[in-house]
C-alpha atoms as a PDB file:
ATOM      1  CA  MET A   1      86.113  55.657 103.683  1.00  0.00           C
ATOM      2  CA  ASN A   2      86.024  58.420 106.291  1.00  0.00           C
ATOM      3  CA  ALA A   3      82.955  58.458 108.536  1.00  0.00           C
ATOM      4  CA  SER A   4      81.554  55.485 106.694  1.00  0.00           C
ATOM      5  CA  PRO A   5      78.039  54.617 107.933  1.00  0.00           C
ATOM      6  CA  MET A   6      79.050  51.000 108.231  1.00  0.00           C
ATOM      7  CA  SER A   7      82.169  48.875 108.019  1.00  0.00           C
ATOM      8  CA  PHE A   8      83.248  46.868 104.981  1.00  0.00           C
ATOM      9  CA  GLN A   9      82.471  43.618 106.827  1.00  0.00           C
ATOM     10  CA  GLY A  10      79.177  45.083 108.003  1.00  0.00           C
ATOM     11  CA  LEU A  11      77.972  45.734 104.463  1.00  0.00           C
ATOM     12  CA  ALA A  12      78.651  42.169 103.418  1.00  0.00           C
ATOM     13  CA  ALA A  13      76.585  41.002 106.392  1.00  0.00           C
ATOM     14  CA  ASP A  14      73.698  43.411 105.898  1.00  0.00           C
ATOM     15  CA  PRO A  15      72.344  44.024 102.370  1.00  0.00           C
ATOM     16  CA  SER A  16      69.939  46.605 103.851  1.00  0.00           C
ATOM     17  CA  ALA A  17      72.974  48.882 104.234  1.00  0.00           C
ATOM     18  CA  LEU A  18      72.949  49.604 100.502  1.00  0.00           C
ATOM     19  CA  ASN A  19      71.091  52.892 100.926  1.00  0.00           C
ATOM     20  CA  ALA A  20      73.499  53.966 103.643  1.00  0.00           C
ATOM     21  CA  LEU A  21      76.406  53.167 101.337  1.00  0.00           C
ATOM     22  CA  ARG A  22      74.899  55.284  98.565  1.00  0.00           C
ATOM     23  CA  TYR A  23      74.707  58.166 101.034  1.00  0.00           C
ATOM     24  CA  GLY A  24      78.299  57.649 102.123  1.00  0.00           C
ATOM     25  CA  ALA A  25      79.518  57.590  98.520  1.00  0.00           C
ATOM     26  CA  GLY A  26      77.533  60.718  97.795  1.00  0.00           C
ATOM     27  CA  THR A  27      79.455  62.645 100.456  1.00  0.00           C
ATOM     28  CA  ALA A  28      82.816  61.588  99.012  1.00  0.00           C
ATOM     29  CA  ALA A  29      83.183  64.802  97.023  1.00  0.00           C
ATOM     30  CA  GLY A  30      83.802  66.685 100.261  1.00  0.00           C
ATOM     31  CA  LYS A  31      86.479  64.304 101.541  1.00  0.00           C
ATOM     32  CA  ASP A  32      89.335  62.269 100.116  1.00  0.00           C
ATOM     33  CA  ASP A  33      87.526  61.552  96.831  1.00  0.00           C
ATOM     34  CA  LYS A  34      89.744  58.818  95.452  1.00  0.00           C
ATOM     35  CA  THR A  35      90.065  56.879  98.715  1.00  0.00           C
ATOM     36  CA  ALA A  36      86.373  57.211  99.568  1.00  0.00           C
ATOM     37  CA  LEU A  37      85.212  56.076  96.150  1.00  0.00           C
ATOM     38  CA  LYS A  38      87.612  53.136  96.172  1.00  0.00           C
ATOM     39  CA  GLU A  39      86.272  51.959  99.527  1.00  0.00           C
ATOM     40  CA  ALA A  40      82.654  52.439  98.412  1.00  0.00           C
ATOM     41  CA  ALA A  41      83.332  50.424  95.250  1.00  0.00           C
ATOM     42  CA  LYS A  42      84.888  47.601  97.312  1.00  0.00           C
ATOM     43  CA  GLN A  43      81.816  47.495  99.488  1.00  0.00           C
ATOM     44  CA  PHE A  44      79.455  47.383  96.532  1.00  0.00           C
ATOM     45  CA  GLU A  45      81.520  44.544  95.070  1.00  0.00           C
ATOM     46  CA  SER A  46      81.498  42.705  98.415  1.00  0.00           C
ATOM     47  CA  LEU A  47      77.717  42.839  98.515  1.00  0.00           C
ATOM     48  CA  PHE A  48      77.490  41.562  94.960  1.00  0.00           C
ATOM     49  CA  MET A  49      79.967  38.742  95.658  1.00  0.00           C
ATOM     50  CA  ARG A  50      78.025  37.684  98.756  1.00  0.00           C
ATOM     51  CA  GLU A  51      74.806  37.358  96.775  1.00  0.00           C
ATOM     52  CA  LEU A  52      76.628  35.453  94.039  1.00  0.00           C
ATOM     53  CA  ILE A  53      78.193  33.012  96.510  1.00  0.00           C
ATOM     54  CA  LYS A  54      74.853  32.578  98.238  1.00  0.00           C
ATOM     55  CA  SER A  55      73.143  31.748  94.940  1.00  0.00           C
ATOM     56  CA  MET A  56      75.863  29.243  94.017  1.00  0.00           C
ATOM     57  CA  ARG A  57      75.673  27.592  97.434  1.00  0.00           C
ATOM     58  CA  GLU A  58      71.888  27.304  97.274  1.00  0.00           C
ATOM     59  CA  ALA A  59      72.066  25.770  93.814  1.00  0.00           C
ATOM     60  CA  THR A  60      74.588  23.124  94.872  1.00  0.00           C
ATOM     61  CA  GLN A  61      72.740  22.336  98.101  1.00  0.00           C
ATOM     62  CA  LYS A  62      69.531  21.724  96.199  1.00  0.00           C
ATOM     63  CA  SER A  63      71.369  19.263  93.999  1.00  0.00           C
ATOM     64  CA  GLY A  64      72.623  17.408  97.083  1.00  0.00           C
ATOM     65  CA  LEU A  65      76.270  18.049  96.261  1.00  0.00           C
ATOM     66  CA  MET A  66      77.101  19.991  99.425  1.00  0.00           C
ATOM     67  CA  ASP A  67      74.749  18.658 102.097  1.00  0.00           C
ATOM     68  CA  GLY A  68      76.244  18.921 105.581  1.00  0.00           C
ATOM     69  CA  GLU A  69      75.519  19.470 109.251  1.00  0.00           C
ATOM     70  CA  GLY A  70      76.701  23.096 109.428  1.00  0.00           C
ATOM     71  CA  SER A  71      74.184  25.597 110.676  1.00  0.00           C
ATOM     72  CA  ASP A  72      72.675  28.293 108.473  1.00  0.00           C
ATOM     73  CA  LEU A  73      74.394  30.909 110.619  1.00  0.00           C
ATOM     74  CA  GLY A  74      77.814  29.352 110.133  1.00  0.00           C
ATOM     75  CA  THR A  75      77.260  29.062 106.394  1.00  0.00           C
ATOM     76  CA  ASP A  76      76.173  32.676 106.167  1.00  0.00           C
ATOM     77  CA  LEU A  77      79.220  33.879 108.089  1.00  0.00           C
ATOM     78  CA  LEU A  78      81.479  31.858 105.784  1.00  0.00           C
ATOM     79  CA  ASP A  79      79.837  33.452 102.748  1.00  0.00           C
ATOM     80  CA  GLN A  80      80.437  36.879 104.258  1.00  0.00           C
ATOM     81  CA  GLN A  81      84.110  36.149 104.788  1.00  0.00           C
ATOM     82  CA  PHE A  82      84.564  34.875 101.240  1.00  0.00           C
ATOM     83  CA  SER A  83      82.828  37.931  99.790  1.00  0.00           C
ATOM     84  CA  VAL A  84      85.144  40.302 101.682  1.00  0.00           C
ATOM     85  CA  GLN A  85      88.277  38.391 100.672  1.00  0.00           C
ATOM     86  CA  LEU A  86      87.277  38.319  96.997  1.00  0.00           C
ATOM     87  CA  SER A  87      86.535  42.041  96.792  1.00  0.00           C
ATOM     88  CA  GLY A  88      88.913  44.826  95.765  1.00  0.00           C
ATOM     89  CA  LEU A  89      91.263  42.609  93.741  1.00  0.00           C
ATOM     90  CA  PRO A  90      93.207  44.253  90.843  1.00  0.00           C
ATOM     91  CA  GLY A  91      91.210  44.145  87.612  1.00  0.00           C
ATOM     92  CA  GLY A  92      88.052  43.179  89.481  1.00  0.00           C
ATOM     93  CA  LEU A  93      84.533  44.519  89.480  1.00  0.00           C
ATOM     94  CA  SER A  94      85.300  47.202  92.078  1.00  0.00           C
ATOM     95  CA  GLU A  95      87.414  49.150  89.551  1.00  0.00           C
ATOM     96  CA  ALA A  96      84.467  49.425  87.174  1.00  0.00           C
ATOM     97  CA  ILE A  97      82.171  50.422  90.053  1.00  0.00           C
ATOM     98  CA  GLN A  98      84.678  53.038  91.236  1.00  0.00           C
ATOM     99  CA  ARG A  99      84.852  54.523  87.754  1.00  0.00           C
ATOM    100  CA  GLN A 100      81.065  54.730  87.484  1.00  0.00           C
ATOM    101  CA  LEU A 101      80.747  56.300  90.944  1.00  0.00           C
ATOM    102  CA  GLY A 102      83.363  58.855  89.975  1.00  0.00           C
ATOM    103  CA  ARG A 103      81.368  59.907  86.927  1.00  0.00           C
ATOM    104  CA  GLN A 104      78.096  60.147  88.844  1.00  0.00           C
ATOM    105  CA  ILE A 105      79.392  61.845  91.986  1.00  0.00           C
ATOM    106  CA  LEU A 106      82.500  63.818  91.056  1.00  0.00           C
ATOM    107  CA  GLY A 107      81.489  64.702  87.504  1.00  0.00           C
ATOM    108  CA  PRO A 108      83.294  64.236  84.153  1.00  0.00           C
ATOM    109  CA  ASP A 109      86.016  66.823  84.833  1.00  0.00           C
ATOM    110  CA  ALA A 110      87.347  64.948  87.870  1.00  0.00           C
ATOM    111  CA  ALA A 111      87.142  61.645  86.034  1.00  0.00           C
ATOM    112  CA  ARG A 112      89.200  63.078  83.180  1.00  0.00           C
ATOM    113  CA  ALA A 113      91.825  64.471  85.521  1.00  0.00           C
ATOM    114  CA  ASN A 114      92.354  61.010  87.106  1.00  0.00           C
ATOM    115  CA  PRO A 115      91.461  58.404  84.471  1.00  0.00           C
ATOM    116  CA  LEU A 116      90.893  54.914  85.850  1.00  0.00           C
ATOM    117  CA  PRO A 117      91.577  51.752  83.840  1.00  0.00           C
ATOM    118  CA  ALA A 118      88.529  50.123  82.284  1.00  0.00           C
ATOM    119  CA  VAL A 119      87.581  46.531  83.089  1.00  0.00           C
ATOM    120  CA  GLY A 120      90.312  44.284  81.756  1.00  0.00           C
ATOM    121  CA  GLU A 121      92.800  47.111  81.239  1.00  0.00           C
ATOM    122  CA  ALA A 122      94.876  46.273  84.319  1.00  0.00           C
ATOM    123  CA  SER A 123      95.705  42.840  82.930  1.00  0.00           C
ATOM    124  CA  THR A 124      96.481  44.425  79.544  1.00  0.00           C
ATOM    125  CA  VAL A 125      99.030  46.718  81.150  1.00  0.00           C
ATOM    126  CA  SER A 126     100.760  43.817  82.883  1.00  0.00           C
ATOM    127  CA  ARG A 127     101.035  41.923  79.585  1.00  0.00           C
ATOM    128  CA  ALA A 128     102.402  44.913  77.639  1.00  0.00           C
ATOM    129  CA  SER A 129     105.943  44.591  79.099  1.00  0.00           C
ATOM    130  CA  PRO A 130     107.220  47.815  77.475  1.00  0.00           C
ATOM    131  CA  GLY A 131     110.920  47.771  76.675  1.00  0.00           C
ATOM    132  CA  PRO A 132     113.768  50.289  76.556  1.00  0.00           C
ATOM    133  CA  ARG A 133     112.629  51.866  73.283  1.00  0.00           C
ATOM    134  CA  GLN A 134     109.167  52.585  74.657  1.00  0.00           C
ATOM    135  CA  ALA A 135     110.653  53.902  77.888  1.00  0.00           C
ATOM    136  CA  SER A 136     112.984  56.228  75.979  1.00  0.00           C
ATOM    137  CA  PHE A 137     110.129  57.483  73.791  1.00  0.00           C
ATOM    138  CA  VAL A 138     107.900  58.201  76.792  1.00  0.00           C
ATOM    139  CA  ALA A 139     110.694  60.042  78.595  1.00  0.00           C
ATOM    140  CA  GLU A 140     111.545  62.115  75.514  1.00  0.00           C
ATOM    141  CA  HIS A 141     108.004  63.395  74.994  1.00  0.00           C
ATOM    142  CA  SER A 142     106.696  63.597  78.562  1.00  0.00           C
ATOM    143  CA  GLU A 143     107.372  67.308  79.058  1.00  0.00           C
ATOM    144  CA  ALA A 144     105.744  68.464  75.804  1.00  0.00           C
ATOM    145  CA  ALA A 145     102.768  66.140  76.301  1.00  0.00           C
ATOM    146  CA  ALA A 146     102.251  67.323  79.887  1.00  0.00           C
ATOM    147  CA  THR A 147     102.186  70.964  78.773  1.00  0.00           C
ATOM    148  CA  VAL A 148      99.596  70.274  76.079  1.00  0.00           C
ATOM    149  CA  ALA A 149      97.587  68.103  78.473  1.00  0.00           C
ATOM    150  CA  ARG A 150      97.191  71.064  80.818  1.00  0.00           C
ATOM    151  CA  GLU A 151      96.032  73.208  77.925  1.00  0.00           C
ATOM    152  CA  SER A 152      93.635  70.741  76.308  1.00  0.00           C
ATOM    153  CA  GLY A 153      92.507  68.312  79.020  1.00  0.00           C
ATOM    154  CA  ILE A 154      93.635  65.296  76.981  1.00  0.00           C
ATOM    155  CA  PRO A 155      95.740  63.034  79.267  1.00  0.00           C
ATOM    156  CA  ALA A 156      99.438  63.129  78.413  1.00  0.00           C
ATOM    157  CA  SER A 157      99.621  59.332  78.541  1.00  0.00           C
ATOM    158  CA  PHE A 158      96.925  59.066  75.863  1.00  0.00           C
ATOM    159  CA  MET A 159      98.781  61.412  73.518  1.00  0.00           C
ATOM    160  CA  ILE A 160     102.179  59.788  74.089  1.00  0.00           C
ATOM    161  CA  GLY A 161     100.685  56.332  73.608  1.00  0.00           C
ATOM    162  CA  GLN A 162      99.089  57.366  70.317  1.00  0.00           C
ATOM    163  CA  ALA A 163     102.302  59.032  69.157  1.00  0.00           C
ATOM    164  CA  GLY A 164     104.165  55.831  70.034  1.00  0.00           C
ATOM    165  CA  HIS A 165     101.724  53.709  68.077  1.00  0.00           C
ATOM    166  CA  GLU A 166     101.752  56.012  65.038  1.00  0.00           C
ATOM    167  CA  THR A 167     105.552  56.152  64.852  1.00  0.00           C
ATOM    168  CA  GLY A 168     106.459  52.655  66.020  1.00  0.00           C
ATOM    169  CA  TRP A 169     107.839  54.271  69.201  1.00  0.00           C
ATOM    170  CA  GLY A 170     110.072  56.509  67.096  1.00  0.00           C
ATOM    171  CA  ARG A 171     111.247  53.888  64.603  1.00  0.00           C
ATOM    172  CA  SER A 172     109.183  55.104  61.640  1.00  0.00           C
ATOM    173  CA  GLU A 173     108.628  58.835  61.981  1.00  0.00           C
ATOM    174  CA  ILE A 174     107.458  60.703  58.887  1.00  0.00           C
ATOM    175  CA  ARG A 175     110.383  62.327  57.076  1.00  0.00           C
ATOM    176  CA  HIS A 176     110.848  64.701  54.168  1.00  0.00           C
ATOM    177  CA  ALA A 177     112.364  63.481  50.902  1.00  0.00           C
ATOM    178  CA  ASN A 178     115.773  64.755  52.065  1.00  0.00           C
ATOM    179  CA  GLY A 179     115.545  62.765  55.287  1.00  0.00           C
ATOM    180  CA  ALA A 180     114.703  65.698  57.561  1.00  0.00           C
ATOM    181  CA  ASN A 181     112.246  64.966  60.347  1.00  0.00           C
ATOM    182  CA  SER A 182     108.712  66.324  59.891  1.00  0.00           C
ATOM    183  CA  HIS A 183     108.072  66.045  63.671  1.00  0.00           C
ATOM    184  CA  ASN A 184     104.607  64.670  62.804  1.00  0.00           C
ATOM    185  CA  LEU A 185     103.940  62.217  65.650  1.00  0.00           C
ATOM    186  CA  PHE A 186     100.263  61.563  64.926  1.00  0.00           C
ATOM    187  CA  GLY A 187     100.065  60.879  61.194  1.00  0.00           C
ATOM    188  CA  ILE A 188      97.899  63.962  60.570  1.00  0.00           C
ATOM    189  CA  LYS A 189      97.493  64.564  56.843  1.00  0.00           C
ATOM    190  CA  ALA A 190      97.889  67.910  55.119  1.00  0.00           C
ATOM    191  CA  THR A 191      94.194  68.364  54.342  1.00  0.00           C
ATOM    192  CA  GLY A 192      91.445  70.648  55.610  1.00  0.00           C
ATOM    193  CA  GLY A 193      93.007  73.907  54.501  1.00  0.00           C
ATOM    194  CA  TRP A 194      96.469  73.206  55.931  1.00  0.00           C
ATOM    195  CA  THR A 195      98.867  75.943  54.809  1.00  0.00           C
ATOM    196  CA  GLY A 196     102.004  74.856  56.660  1.00  0.00           C
ATOM    197  CA  LYS A 197     104.902  72.687  55.580  1.00  0.00           C
ATOM    198  CA  VAL A 198     104.208  69.264  54.035  1.00  0.00           C
ATOM    199  CA  ALA A 199     105.988  65.895  53.896  1.00  0.00           C
ATOM    200  CA  GLU A 200     104.952  63.511  51.124  1.00  0.00           C
ATOM    201  CA  ILE A 201     105.497  59.787  51.709  1.00  0.00           C
ATOM    202  CA  THR A 202     104.232  56.345  50.756  1.00  0.00           C
ATOM    203  CA  THR A 203     102.045  54.872  53.478  1.00  0.00           C
ATOM    204  CA  THR A 204      99.578  52.035  54.081  1.00  0.00           C
ATOM    205  CA  GLU A 205      95.847  52.735  53.973  1.00  0.00           C
ATOM    206  CA  TYR A 206      93.039  50.224  54.430  1.00  0.00           C
ATOM    207  CA  ILE A 207      90.579  50.368  51.529  1.00  0.00           C
ATOM    208  CA  ASP A 208      87.544  48.106  51.883  1.00  0.00           C
ATOM    209  CA  GLY A 209      89.423  46.349  54.661  1.00  0.00           C
ATOM    210  CA  GLU A 210      92.478  45.601  52.513  1.00  0.00           C
ATOM    211  CA  PRO A 211      95.903  47.235  53.066  1.00  0.00           C
ATOM    212  CA  ARG A 212      97.090  49.319  50.094  1.00  0.00           C
ATOM    213  CA  LYS A 213     100.228  51.383  49.515  1.00  0.00           C
ATOM    214  CA  VAL A 214      99.372  54.974  48.639  1.00  0.00           C
ATOM    215  CA  THR A 215     101.187  58.304  48.384  1.00  0.00           C
ATOM    216  CA  ALA A 216      99.926  60.854  50.899  1.00  0.00           C
ATOM    217  CA  ARG A 217     100.768  64.371  52.070  1.00  0.00           C
ATOM    218  CA  PHE A 218     101.299  64.884  55.805  1.00  0.00           C
ATOM    219  CA  ARG A 219     101.646  67.983  57.956  1.00  0.00           C
ATOM    220  CA  ALA A 220     105.175  68.961  58.986  1.00  0.00           C
ATOM    221  CA  TYR A 221     106.173  70.956  62.077  1.00  0.00           C
ATOM    222  CA  ASP A 222     109.187  72.760  63.463  1.00  0.00           C
ATOM    223  CA  SER A 223     109.140  70.775  66.726  1.00  0.00           C
ATOM    224  CA  TYR A 224     107.475  67.868  68.512  1.00  0.00           C
ATOM    225  CA  ALA A 225     105.747  70.362  70.805  1.00  0.00           C
ATOM    226  CA  ASP A 226     104.038  71.859  67.745  1.00  0.00           C
ATOM    227  CA  SER A 227     102.885  68.381  66.750  1.00  0.00           C
ATOM    228  CA  PHE A 228     101.300  67.764  70.160  1.00  0.00           C
ATOM    229  CA  ARG A 229      99.548  71.151  70.070  1.00  0.00           C
ATOM    230  CA  ASP A 230      98.188  70.646  66.565  1.00  0.00           C
ATOM    231  CA  TYR A 231      96.900  67.185  67.477  1.00  0.00           C
ATOM    232  CA  ALA A 232      95.198  68.475  70.632  1.00  0.00           C
ATOM    233  CA  ARG A 233      93.661  71.354  68.680  1.00  0.00           C
ATOM    234  CA  LEU A 234      92.285  68.913  66.086  1.00  0.00           C
ATOM    235  CA  ILE A 235      90.776  66.539  68.656  1.00  0.00           C
ATOM    236  CA  SER A 236      89.421  69.153  71.060  1.00  0.00           C
ATOM    237  CA  GLN A 237      88.006  71.629  68.547  1.00  0.00           C
ATOM    238  CA  SER A 238      86.605  69.494  65.740  1.00  0.00           C
ATOM    239  CA  PRO A 239      82.941  68.402  66.131  1.00  0.00           C
ATOM    240  CA  ARG A 240      83.986  65.149  64.496  1.00  0.00           C
ATOM    241  CA  TYR A 241      85.877  64.166  67.659  1.00  0.00           C
ATOM    242  CA  GLN A 242      83.381  65.363  70.292  1.00  0.00           C
ATOM    243  CA  GLU A 243      82.748  61.777  71.451  1.00  0.00           C
ATOM    244  CA  VAL A 244      86.489  61.313  71.889  1.00  0.00           C
ATOM    245  CA  MET A 245      86.637  64.313  74.240  1.00  0.00           C
ATOM    246  CA  ASP A 246      83.694  62.863  76.162  1.00  0.00           C
ATOM    247  CA  ASN A 247      85.644  59.639  76.825  1.00  0.00           C
ATOM    248  CA  LEU A 248      88.918  60.771  78.376  1.00  0.00           C
ATOM    249  CA  GLN A 249      88.439  58.568  81.450  1.00  0.00           C
ATOM    250  CA  SER A 250      89.425  55.296  79.759  1.00  0.00           C
ATOM    251  CA  PRO A 251      92.125  54.312  77.225  1.00  0.00           C
ATOM    252  CA  VAL A 252      89.775  51.732  75.690  1.00  0.00           C
ATOM    253  CA  ALA A 253      86.879  54.186  75.299  1.00  0.00           C
ATOM    254  CA  PHE A 254      89.203  56.899  73.976  1.00  0.00           C
ATOM    255  CA  ALA A 255      90.698  54.570  71.363  1.00  0.00           C
ATOM    256  CA  ARG A 256      87.293  53.201  70.374  1.00  0.00           C
ATOM    257  CA  GLU A 257      85.832  56.661  69.796  1.00  0.00           C
ATOM    258  CA  LEU A 258      88.856  57.716  67.741  1.00  0.00           C
ATOM    259  CA  GLN A 259      88.380  54.726  65.458  1.00  0.00           C
ATOM    260  CA  GLU A 260      84.634  55.291  65.172  1.00  0.00           C
ATOM    261  CA  ALA A 261      85.273  58.936  64.271  1.00  0.00           C
ATOM    262  CA  GLY A 262      87.454  57.742  61.377  1.00  0.00           C
ATOM    263  CA  TYR A 263      90.852  58.861  62.679  1.00  0.00           C
ATOM    264  CA  ALA A 264      92.507  55.859  60.993  1.00  0.00           C
ATOM    265  CA  THR A 265      91.484  53.291  58.394  1.00  0.00           C
ATOM    266  CA  ASP A 266      93.010  50.277  60.171  1.00  0.00           C
ATOM    267  CA  PRO A 267      90.062  48.117  61.374  1.00  0.00           C
ATOM    268  CA  ASN A 268      92.112  47.095  64.429  1.00  0.00           C
ATOM    269  CA  TYR A 269      93.240  50.624  65.282  1.00  0.00           C
ATOM    270  CA  ALA A 270      91.350  50.886  68.591  1.00  0.00           C
ATOM    271  CA  ALA A 271      92.804  47.671  70.004  1.00  0.00           C
ATOM    272  CA  LYS A 272      96.351  48.593  68.962  1.00  0.00           C
ATOM    273  CA  LEU A 273      96.044  52.118  70.304  1.00  0.00           C
ATOM    274  CA  SER A 274      94.651  51.078  73.680  1.00  0.00           C
ATOM    275  CA  ARG A 275      97.589  48.680  74.116  1.00  0.00           C
ATOM    276  CA  ALA A 276     100.038  51.489  73.340  1.00  0.00           C
ATOM    277  CA  ILE A 277      98.352  53.821  75.833  1.00  0.00           C
ATOM    278  CA  ASN A 278      98.380  51.129  78.503  1.00  0.00           C
ATOM    279  CA  ALA A 279     102.094  50.546  77.867  1.00  0.00           C
ATOM    280  CA  THR A 280     102.662  54.270  78.401  1.00  0.00           C
ATOM    281  CA  LEU A 281     100.635  54.240  81.626  1.00  0.00           C
ATOM    282  CA  SER A 282     102.638  51.259  82.854  1.00  0.00           C
ATOM    283  CA  LEU A 283     105.930  53.068  82.218  1.00  0.00           C
ATOM    284  CA  GLN A 284     104.719  56.241  83.897  1.00  0.00           C
ATOM    285  CA  ARG A 285     103.649  54.314  86.991  1.00  0.00           C
ATOM    286  CA  SER A 286     106.945  52.460  87.204  1.00  0.00           C
ATOM    287  CA  THR A 287     108.973  55.672  87.008  1.00  0.00           C
ATOM    288  CA  GLY A 288     106.580  57.816  89.063  1.00  0.00           C
END
């Protein structure tokens, strides 16, 4: 980080530098926020790793498993080196620390504008291996989602991922009885005083944890853009989804809050949705 009070290696060697690091992270808002926070998070993780390695070494030495002639100074330097090498790895602790620092220092608005993956999400993205259908779906809806994202604050990737999950990436979109497309990407039902067009279909609902086939009425739109706008209006303006809007920094948290708010009856909805959002993020990164 710029003008850091102490080097990355220096922090690992000197735990007393923790207060100085807090100060350096606190000034990140006036500099290159993302880079500064990333470096601060790596340093915090390095310090943690050093203490962990030290504790493990002390435990094994007491048991007599690692007795040797090396000096305490040499051992300490080796621990420092290991802690630096093990810090900042993809999917590691530093990502969670960076996310937390971002919330505390930059505020929720900045965190929402640049959502970071939650712990474990990086490995989920790498396992998703989205294919051509997903890629085509993301490309088709990117422009409309980006427009609504600017209006609502909901990340475009979150909306596209949810639309992909709800429609099977375009394979099972809701249609009228005559086969015409309803453009309903989010499975929003025609309740709550809806006065627009309606598509009535047979769908699966989970009742007492068991899947049941039921007939339901869904909202219909003139375009996909209208579907994105109606979804964003529902999520951002309904008190029911306030916790969802408070968790736009993480696909996992976003999906969890949607399920807890009762968006869907599937007991595994949050896990499925977070995977779909991560697949979307992976595609966006690969084409960005």
